[in-house]
Protein backbone atom coordinates (compact mmCIF):
# COMPACT_ATOMS: atom_id res chain seq x y z
CA MET A 1 98.71 112.02 119.82
CA ASP A 2 100.36 108.92 121.38
CA ILE A 3 102.10 107.58 117.81
CA MET A 4 103.91 110.66 117.56
CA LYS A 5 105.22 110.35 121.04
CA ASP A 6 106.16 106.52 120.52
CA ILE A 7 107.68 107.63 117.35
CA VAL A 8 110.06 110.51 119.15
CA SER A 9 110.88 107.95 122.30
CA LYS A 10 112.10 105.45 119.98
CA HIS A 11 114.43 107.76 117.72
CA LYS A 12 115.51 110.85 119.24
CA ILE A 13 117.40 111.93 116.30
CA ILE A 14 115.92 112.71 113.21
CA ALA A 15 117.59 113.36 110.19
CA ILE A 16 116.17 116.11 108.06
CA LEU A 17 116.55 115.73 104.30
CA ARG A 18 116.25 118.65 102.15
CA ASN A 19 117.07 118.98 98.29
CA VAL A 20 119.02 115.50 98.35
CA PRO A 21 119.97 114.77 94.46
CA GLU A 22 117.59 111.52 93.64
CA LYS A 23 120.70 109.54 92.26
CA GLU A 24 122.28 110.05 95.62
CA LEU A 25 119.20 109.19 97.42
CA GLN A 26 119.65 105.61 98.19
CA ALA A 27 123.36 105.53 98.97
CA TYR A 28 123.16 108.79 101.54
CA THR A 29 120.55 107.55 103.35
CA GLU A 30 121.70 103.78 103.46
CA SER A 31 124.86 105.52 105.10
CA LEU A 32 122.97 107.09 107.83
CA TYR A 33 121.23 103.93 108.59
CA GLU A 34 124.39 102.01 108.58
CA GLY A 35 125.69 104.99 111.06
CA GLY A 36 122.71 104.44 113.43
CA ILE A 37 119.96 106.78 112.27
CA ARG A 38 116.33 105.10 112.22
CA ALA A 39 114.38 108.51 111.56
CA PHE A 40 114.32 110.14 108.49
CA GLU A 41 112.11 113.37 107.78
CA VAL A 42 111.86 114.74 103.84
CA SER A 43 111.26 118.47 103.52
CA PHE A 44 108.65 119.41 101.02
CA THR A 45 110.47 121.98 99.77
CA THR A 46 112.31 119.26 97.85
CA GLU A 47 111.63 118.69 94.73
CA HIS A 48 109.90 115.50 94.33
CA ALA A 49 109.81 115.08 98.09
CA ARG A 50 106.65 112.80 97.30
CA ASP A 51 108.22 110.26 95.31
CA GLN A 52 111.17 110.05 97.56
CA ILE A 53 109.48 109.57 100.66
CA TYR A 54 107.70 106.56 98.45
CA PHE A 55 110.95 105.26 97.51
CA MET A 56 113.00 105.21 101.04
CA LYS A 57 109.99 103.72 102.69
CA ARG A 58 110.42 100.74 100.06
CA THR A 59 114.13 100.42 100.41
CA LEU A 60 115.19 101.52 104.24
CA PRO A 61 114.87 98.63 106.41
CA GLY A 62 111.58 98.17 108.30
CA ASP A 63 113.03 99.46 111.56
CA SER A 64 112.91 102.87 110.03
CA VAL A 65 110.44 105.73 109.91
CA VAL A 66 109.90 108.03 107.31
CA GLY A 67 108.43 111.42 107.71
CA ALA A 68 107.28 114.19 105.78
CA GLY A 69 108.75 117.99 106.86
CA THR A 70 107.44 121.24 106.28
CA VAL A 71 104.54 120.22 105.34
CA LEU A 72 102.05 123.56 104.84
CA ASN A 73 98.60 122.60 103.79
CA GLU A 74 96.31 119.39 103.39
CA ARG A 75 97.11 118.90 100.11
CA GLU A 76 100.69 118.05 101.16
CA VAL A 77 99.49 115.92 104.14
CA ARG A 78 97.35 113.95 101.38
CA GLU A 79 100.35 113.38 99.24
CA ALA A 80 102.67 112.35 102.10
CA GLU A 81 99.99 110.00 103.12
CA GLU A 82 99.60 108.48 99.56
CA ALA A 83 103.01 107.98 99.68
CA GLY A 84 103.41 106.27 102.99
CA ALA A 85 104.76 108.73 105.31
CA ASP A 86 105.04 107.40 108.67
CA PHE A 87 104.71 111.30 110.44
CA MET A 88 104.22 114.50 109.55
CA LEU A 89 105.99 117.96 110.72
CA SER A 90 105.25 121.35 110.27
CA PRO A 91 107.73 124.66 110.70
CA SER A 92 104.27 126.25 111.82
CA THR A 93 100.51 126.08 113.23
CA CYS A 94 98.65 125.85 110.66
CA GLN A 95 95.17 125.19 111.73
CA GLU A 96 94.17 123.55 108.16
CA VAL A 97 97.16 121.23 108.42
CA ILE A 98 96.24 120.67 112.47
CA ALA A 99 92.57 120.02 112.23
CA TYR A 100 92.97 117.64 108.92
CA CYS A 101 95.79 115.82 110.67
CA ALA A 102 93.76 115.72 114.08
CA LYS A 103 90.63 114.39 112.34
CA GLN A 104 92.58 112.22 110.19
CA GLU A 105 94.50 110.56 113.38
CA ILE A 106 97.77 111.66 111.61
CA ALA A 107 101.37 111.30 113.76
CA TYR A 108 102.01 115.15 113.40
CA MET A 109 104.50 117.51 115.20
CA PRO A 110 103.33 121.10 114.69
CA GLY A 111 106.07 123.71 115.00
CA VAL A 112 105.77 126.42 117.72
CA LEU A 113 107.71 129.33 118.74
CA THR A 114 104.86 131.16 121.18
CA PRO A 115 102.67 130.14 124.05
CA SER A 116 99.87 131.07 121.26
CA ASP A 117 101.35 128.39 119.21
CA MET A 118 101.26 125.92 122.02
CA GLY A 119 97.78 126.65 123.08
CA LEU A 120 96.32 126.20 119.36
CA SER A 121 98.29 122.76 119.15
CA LEU A 122 97.59 121.29 122.07
CA SER A 123 93.81 122.03 121.74
CA TYR A 124 93.69 119.66 119.24
CA GLY A 125 95.53 116.71 120.86
CA PHE A 126 99.53 117.41 119.97
CA HIS A 127 101.68 117.21 122.90
CA VAL A 128 104.85 116.37 121.10
CA LEU A 129 105.77 120.08 119.42
CA LYS A 130 108.33 120.94 117.13
CA LEU A 131 110.03 123.95 118.80
CA PHE A 132 111.40 125.99 115.69
CA PRO A 133 113.63 127.51 115.11
CA ALA A 134 115.17 126.14 118.42
CA ASN A 135 118.59 128.35 118.51
CA ALA A 136 116.41 131.57 118.45
CA PHE A 137 116.26 131.73 122.24
CA SER A 138 118.21 129.85 124.95
CA ILE A 139 118.48 126.54 125.14
CA GLY A 140 116.58 126.62 128.69
CA TYR A 141 113.34 128.62 126.59
CA ARG A 142 111.73 125.05 126.28
CA ASN A 143 111.67 124.93 130.51
CA SER A 144 109.93 128.45 130.12
CA LEU A 145 107.20 126.63 128.10
CA ARG A 146 106.16 123.98 129.97
CA GLY A 147 105.74 126.17 132.92
CA PRO A 148 102.13 126.81 131.98
CA PHE A 149 102.22 123.80 129.44
CA PRO A 150 103.45 120.71 131.39
CA GLN A 151 101.83 118.10 129.04
CA ALA A 152 104.30 119.25 125.92
CA ASP A 153 107.19 117.68 125.09
CA PHE A 154 109.54 119.44 122.67
CA VAL A 155 111.73 118.38 119.84
CA ALA A 156 114.43 121.02 119.37
CA VAL A 157 114.74 122.20 115.45
CA GLY A 158 117.02 124.50 113.88
CA GLY A 159 121.20 125.27 114.68
CA VAL A 160 121.28 121.61 115.98
CA SER A 161 123.82 119.42 114.95
CA LEU A 162 125.22 116.10 116.70
CA LYS A 163 128.06 117.76 118.82
CA ASN A 164 125.28 119.94 120.25
CA ALA A 165 122.46 117.59 120.60
CA ALA A 166 123.81 116.33 123.84
CA GLU A 167 122.36 119.69 125.48
CA TYR A 168 119.37 119.60 124.02
CA LEU A 169 118.67 116.13 125.52
CA LYS A 170 120.02 116.86 128.87
CA ASN A 171 117.91 119.81 129.01
CA GLY A 172 114.71 117.88 128.78
CA TYR A 173 114.00 118.24 125.04
CA ALA A 174 112.39 114.85 123.84
CA GLY A 175 114.61 114.62 120.34
CA VAL A 176 116.01 116.74 118.06
CA GLY A 177 115.65 117.15 114.24
CA ILE A 178 119.00 117.87 112.38
CA GLY A 179 119.64 119.31 108.63
CA SER A 180 122.73 120.70 107.21
CA SER A 181 124.82 119.92 109.97
CA LEU A 182 124.27 116.40 110.29
CA VAL A 183 126.88 115.32 107.37
CA LYS A 184 129.95 117.37 106.29
CA GLU A 185 129.18 118.86 103.11
CA ALA A 186 132.62 117.91 101.66
CA LEU A 187 132.10 114.09 102.34
CA PHE A 188 128.59 114.16 100.70
CA LEU A 189 129.90 116.03 97.50
CA GLN A 190 133.12 113.30 97.25
CA LYS A 191 130.34 110.59 98.35
CA LYS A 192 132.31 109.27 100.91
CA TRP A 193 129.32 107.28 101.93
CA GLU A 194 131.54 105.05 104.15
CA LEU A 195 132.87 108.00 105.78
CA ILE A 196 129.74 109.59 106.58
CA THR A 197 128.49 106.41 108.00
CA SER A 198 131.55 106.16 110.51
CA ASP A 199 131.23 109.99 111.63
CA ILE A 200 127.65 109.24 112.34
CA LYS A 201 128.15 106.31 114.16
CA GLU A 202 130.86 108.06 115.98
CA GLN A 203 128.71 110.85 117.43
CA LEU A 204 125.52 108.58 118.22
CA ASP A 205 128.13 106.17 120.20
CA VAL A 206 128.99 109.22 122.09
CA LEU A 207 125.58 110.02 123.21
CA LYS A 208 124.95 106.48 124.01
CA LYS A 209 127.74 106.48 126.18
CA GLU A 210 126.29 109.61 127.97
CA GLY A 211 122.86 107.69 128.07
CA LEU A 212 121.15 109.94 125.85
CA LEU A 213 119.99 107.59 123.05
């Protein structure tokens, strides 16, 4: 779907939010935004994920996008739609979700790991795929998959951090999704929002200087 390709081309770094306490959500997402992050994914393993997406869509500036991650069935996709999610991601290729998102023309990124996963996703018209877990194979695994499937683009998720994001981007990945390694746990627990912002900005600046963002 072209919508997903447009999102990833503009936002190569996707921040994955999982179990962020609601009382810290605004301060945390604002600190990431101020650091330069513009794409956010709220995992549906998070309690009240729907409410968090709804809240973020109304508090973050308009140049940001908020997606729903780990959607595993049509019900969760519908909930994310109602909350205003800009895009959806799954860790797997659930045909129920793929078929629904294709029918509704939803910006969606299926999770793939094998050629069979890719074949199913591509057959429904989804060309931007979440390679998960990306660290299960060598960084060149993407090239092996692109051989028979040159029309596919990949976002690496699983074992990716801002420190190794450059390697994925240099090796042809369209983008990366970064979860727990995005922010130092101590900074989050101590609510050092300004330090989180400066740390993110510093690391993104390195990627920009290398021409990767």
